Amino acid sequence: MEYAKDEIFQIRYNTKLNRLQIKQESWTSKIYKKIKNHKLLTTIIICLLIFSTANIIMIYNFIEILQSI
């Protein structure tokens, strides 16, 4: 029943085309739904990005220390 309610409220009247149309989802809401459904994968990707940037920063600092010797 909830699904039917959601589908009914998504229908809008388009005056330019003179007919009813289902409202299209925006790209941000699609991304938000994917993040909400795939929490483990999202967590893994975020951790990967954080550790990769930390690794690059540490390598850069190490090279700077070696150059100053």
C-alpha atoms as a PDB file:
ATOM      1  CA  MET A   1       0.000   0.000   0.000  1.00  0.00           C
ATOM      2  CA  GLU A   2       2.842   2.396   0.806  1.00  0.00           C
ATOM      3  CA  TYR A   3       4.316   1.835  -2.648  1.00  0.00           C
ATOM      4  CA  ALA A   4       1.004   2.790  -4.276  1.00  0.00           C
ATOM      5  CA  LYS A   5       0.841   5.991  -2.232  1.00  0.00           C
ATOM      6  CA  ASP A   6       4.370   6.925  -3.245  1.00  0.00           C
ATOM      7  CA  GLU A   7       3.609   6.383  -6.917  1.00  0.00           C
ATOM      8  CA  ILE A   8       0.365   8.373  -6.782  1.00  0.00           C
ATOM      9  CA  PHE A   9       2.002  11.421  -5.205  1.00  0.00           C
ATOM     10  CA  GLN A  10       4.804  11.422  -7.786  1.00  0.00           C
ATOM     11  CA  ILE A  11       2.400  12.152 -10.676  1.00  0.00           C
ATOM     12  CA  ARG A  12       2.255  15.807 -11.772  1.00  0.00           C
ATOM     13  CA  TYR A  13       0.458  17.652 -14.553  1.00  0.00           C
ATOM     14  CA  ASN A  14       2.763  19.074 -17.211  1.00  0.00           C
ATOM     15  CA  THR A  15       1.172  22.167 -18.747  1.00  0.00           C
ATOM     16  CA  LYS A  16       3.661  22.402 -21.617  1.00  0.00           C
ATOM     17  CA  LEU A  17       2.949  18.878 -22.821  1.00  0.00           C
ATOM     18  CA  ASN A  18      -0.701  18.970 -21.683  1.00  0.00           C
ATOM     19  CA  ARG A  19      -0.588  15.604 -19.931  1.00  0.00           C
ATOM     20  CA  LEU A  20       0.222  13.850 -16.671  1.00  0.00           C
ATOM     21  CA  GLN A  21       3.816  12.892 -15.994  1.00  0.00           C
ATOM     22  CA  ILE A  22       5.682  11.028 -13.284  1.00  0.00           C
ATOM     23  CA  LYS A  23       8.161  13.312 -11.535  1.00  0.00           C
ATOM     24  CA  GLN A  24      11.774  12.418 -12.337  1.00  0.00           C
ATOM     25  CA  GLU A  25      14.257  11.915  -9.517  1.00  0.00           C
ATOM     26  CA  SER A  26      17.159  14.313  -9.264  1.00  0.00           C
ATOM     27  CA  TRP A  27      20.702  12.971  -9.425  1.00  0.00           C
ATOM     28  CA  THR A  28      21.349  13.902  -5.802  1.00  0.00           C
ATOM     29  CA  SER A  29      18.416  11.886  -4.537  1.00  0.00           C
ATOM     30  CA  LYS A  30      19.576   8.892  -6.592  1.00  0.00           C
ATOM     31  CA  ILE A  31      23.062   9.112  -5.050  1.00  0.00           C
ATOM     32  CA  TYR A  32      21.562   9.504  -1.574  1.00  0.00           C
ATOM     33  CA  LYS A  33      19.443   6.364  -2.060  1.00  0.00           C
ATOM     34  CA  LYS A  34      22.480   4.352  -3.209  1.00  0.00           C
ATOM     35  CA  ILE A  35      24.514   5.528  -0.212  1.00  0.00           C
ATOM     36  CA  LYS A  36      21.648   4.660   2.115  1.00  0.00           C
ATOM     37  CA  ASN A  37      21.216   1.170   0.625  1.00  0.00           C
ATOM     38  CA  HIS A  38      24.939   0.287   0.388  1.00  0.00           C
ATOM     39  CA  LYS A  39      26.334   1.433   3.724  1.00  0.00           C
ATOM     40  CA  LEU A  40      29.208  -1.069   3.871  1.00  0.00           C
ATOM     41  CA  LEU A  41      30.436  -0.247   0.369  1.00  0.00           C
ATOM     42  CA  THR A  42      30.145   3.489   1.066  1.00  0.00           C
ATOM     43  CA  THR A  43      32.127   3.121   4.294  1.00  0.00           C
ATOM     44  CA  ILE A  44      34.852   1.158   2.520  1.00  0.00           C
ATOM     45  CA  ILE A  45      35.136   3.767  -0.254  1.00  0.00           C
ATOM     46  CA  ILE A  46      35.303   6.658   2.231  1.00  0.00           C
ATOM     47  CA  CYS A  47      38.001   4.868   4.272  1.00  0.00           C
ATOM     48  CA  LEU A  48      39.960   4.161   1.098  1.00  0.00           C
ATOM     49  CA  LEU A  49      39.879   7.842   0.126  1.00  0.00           C
ATOM     50  CA  ILE A  50      40.930   8.990   3.604  1.00  0.00           C
ATOM     51  CA  PHE A  51      43.806   6.511   3.859  1.00  0.00           C
ATOM     52  CA  SER A  52      44.974   7.261   0.317  1.00  0.00           C
ATOM     53  CA  THR A  53      45.155  10.986   0.962  1.00  0.00           C
ATOM     54  CA  ALA A  54      46.920  10.402   4.292  1.00  0.00           C
ATOM     55  CA  ASN A  55      49.423   8.150   2.522  1.00  0.00           C
ATOM     56  CA  ILE A  56      50.138  10.758  -0.172  1.00  0.00           C
ATOM     57  CA  ILE A  57      50.623  13.467   2.464  1.00  0.00           C
ATOM     58  CA  MET A  58      53.025  11.277   4.465  1.00  0.00           C
ATOM     59  CA  ILE A  59      55.053  10.373   1.363  1.00  0.00           C
ATOM     60  CA  TYR A  60      55.280  14.054   0.390  1.00  0.00           C
ATOM     61  CA  ASN A  61      56.451  15.017   3.889  1.00  0.00           C
ATOM     62  CA  PHE A  62      59.039  12.209   3.870  1.00  0.00           C
ATOM     63  CA  ILE A  63      60.429  13.408   0.533  1.00  0.00           C
ATOM     64  CA  GLU A  64      60.613  16.966   1.908  1.00  0.00           C
ATOM     65  CA  ILE A  65      62.579  15.712   4.948  1.00  0.00           C
ATOM     66  CA  LEU A  66      64.974  13.789   2.704  1.00  0.00           C
ATOM     67  CA  GLN A  67      65.586  16.856   0.543  1.00  0.00           C
ATOM     68  CA  SER A  68      66.435  19.005   3.534  1.00  0.00           C
ATOM     69  CA  ILE A  69      69.214  16.637   4.703  1.00  0.00           C
END
